[in-house]
């Protein structure tokens, strides 16, 4: 049997990246991707074609900032940090996610228990 890694839904990637930066502090893109894989116990996998456009979008919205620095192996790397606006957006995204998860949970309940 072939195991397939889960795909990250478009709207959830912002939340995951913002939360990762809040938890871990400034990180480069490769580190963000590896951390997401680690926390998801390898169920989520991000490639450059997914992560870097998301980082650019978050930066354009003012939710993260970036600056160049040296990585652990002394290579030039762009480090991303959560901004004040990003912290506010993270709170809004988390609240929205909790509401959506609650709605989906209602649909997954046995028939008859989800009507109130």
Protein backbone atom coordinates (compact mmCIF):
# COMPACT_ATOMS: atom_id res chain seq x y z
CA UNK A 1 0.00 0.00 0.00
CA UNK A 2 1.33 3.44 -0.95
CA UNK A 3 1.11 6.09 1.75
CA UNK A 4 0.20 9.58 0.54
CA UNK A 5 1.01 12.67 2.55
CA UNK A 6 -1.87 15.02 3.23
CA UNK A 7 -2.16 18.17 1.20
CA UNK A 8 -2.35 21.47 3.08
CA UNK A 9 -5.54 23.35 2.28
CA UNK A 10 -4.93 26.85 0.89
CA UNK A 11 -6.50 28.72 3.81
CA UNK A 12 -4.81 26.63 6.47
CA UNK A 13 -1.26 27.19 5.24
CA UNK A 14 -1.30 30.83 6.41
CA UNK A 15 -2.45 29.76 9.86
CA UNK A 16 0.20 27.02 10.10
CA UNK A 17 3.04 29.31 8.98
CA UNK A 18 1.98 32.16 11.29
CA UNK A 19 1.67 29.79 14.26
CA UNK A 20 5.05 28.23 13.48
CA UNK A 21 6.72 31.65 13.48
CA UNK A 22 4.92 32.65 16.68
CA UNK A 23 6.10 29.46 18.41
CA UNK A 24 9.63 29.18 17.02
CA UNK A 25 10.61 32.79 16.34
CA UNK A 26 12.44 33.87 13.17
CA UNK A 27 13.09 30.99 10.76
CA UNK A 28 14.18 30.49 7.16
CA UNK A 29 11.83 28.83 4.69
CA UNK A 30 13.49 25.43 4.79
CA UNK A 31 13.28 25.44 8.60
CA UNK A 32 9.59 26.38 8.48
CA UNK A 33 8.85 23.51 6.09
CA UNK A 34 10.77 20.99 8.21
CA UNK A 35 9.07 22.18 11.41
CA UNK A 36 5.63 21.79 9.84
CA UNK A 37 6.54 18.26 8.78
CA UNK A 38 7.86 17.49 12.26
CA UNK A 39 4.81 18.80 14.11
CA UNK A 40 2.48 16.96 11.71
CA UNK A 41 4.47 13.77 12.30
CA UNK A 42 5.35 13.74 8.60
CA UNK A 43 1.68 13.79 7.51
CA UNK A 44 2.07 17.22 5.89
CA UNK A 45 4.77 17.87 3.33
CA UNK A 46 5.51 21.30 1.85
CA UNK A 47 7.56 21.85 -1.26
CA UNK A 48 9.13 25.11 -2.38
CA UNK A 49 6.36 25.68 -4.91
CA UNK A 50 3.84 25.73 -2.06
CA UNK A 51 5.71 27.40 0.78
CA UNK A 52 7.58 30.26 -0.88
CA UNK A 53 4.54 31.78 -2.66
CA UNK A 54 2.74 31.61 0.70
CA UNK A 55 5.63 33.38 2.45
CA UNK A 56 5.63 36.07 -0.25
CA UNK A 57 1.86 36.51 0.10
CA UNK A 58 2.10 36.78 3.91
CA UNK A 59 4.89 39.32 3.57
CA UNK A 60 2.92 41.40 1.04
CA UNK A 61 0.00 41.47 3.48
CA UNK A 62 2.31 42.73 6.23
CA UNK A 63 1.83 39.66 8.45
CA UNK A 64 5.48 38.62 8.31
CA UNK A 65 8.72 40.43 7.63
CA UNK A 66 12.02 39.11 6.33
CA UNK A 67 15.71 39.84 6.50
CA UNK A 68 18.80 38.13 5.19
CA UNK A 69 21.08 36.25 7.56
CA UNK A 70 23.33 33.22 7.78
CA UNK A 71 21.85 29.75 8.20
CA UNK A 72 23.16 27.03 10.52
CA UNK A 73 25.58 25.89 7.80
CA UNK A 74 26.73 29.48 7.18
CA UNK A 75 24.79 29.96 3.96
CA UNK A 76 22.85 33.10 3.06
CA UNK A 77 19.17 32.62 3.97
CA UNK A 78 16.08 34.79 4.27
CA UNK A 79 14.64 34.69 7.79
CA UNK A 80 10.94 35.34 8.32
CA UNK A 81 9.41 36.87 11.46
CA UNK A 82 5.86 37.47 12.64
CA UNK A 83 4.82 41.14 12.69
CA UNK A 84 2.36 42.81 15.05
CA UNK A 85 -0.27 42.68 12.28
CA UNK A 86 0.62 39.00 11.83
CA UNK A 87 -0.09 38.31 15.49
CA UNK A 88 -3.53 39.89 15.13
CA UNK A 89 -4.17 37.91 11.95
CA UNK A 90 -3.05 34.70 13.66
CA UNK A 91 -5.64 35.25 16.40
CA UNK A 92 -8.36 35.87 13.79
CA UNK A 93 -7.31 32.85 11.69
CA UNK A 94 -7.24 30.59 14.77
CA UNK A 95 -10.73 31.70 15.82
CA UNK A 96 -12.05 31.13 12.31
CA UNK A 97 -10.44 27.68 12.15
CA UNK A 98 -12.00 26.68 15.48
CA UNK A 99 -15.44 27.74 14.21
CA UNK A 100 -15.02 25.81 10.96
CA UNK A 101 -13.75 22.73 12.82
CA UNK A 102 -16.80 22.87 15.10
CA UNK A 103 -19.15 23.00 12.11
CA UNK A 104 -17.40 20.05 10.43
CA UNK A 105 -17.52 18.11 13.71
CA UNK A 106 -21.31 18.55 13.72
CA UNK A 107 -21.52 16.93 10.29
CA UNK A 108 -19.39 14.01 11.45
CA UNK A 109 -21.60 13.21 14.45
CA UNK A 110 -23.93 10.21 14.14
CA UNK A 111 -27.16 11.03 12.38
CA UNK A 112 -29.73 12.78 14.55
CA UNK A 113 -27.18 14.19 17.00
CA UNK A 114 -26.15 17.13 14.82
CA UNK A 115 -29.49 18.97 14.82
CA UNK A 116 -30.02 21.32 17.73
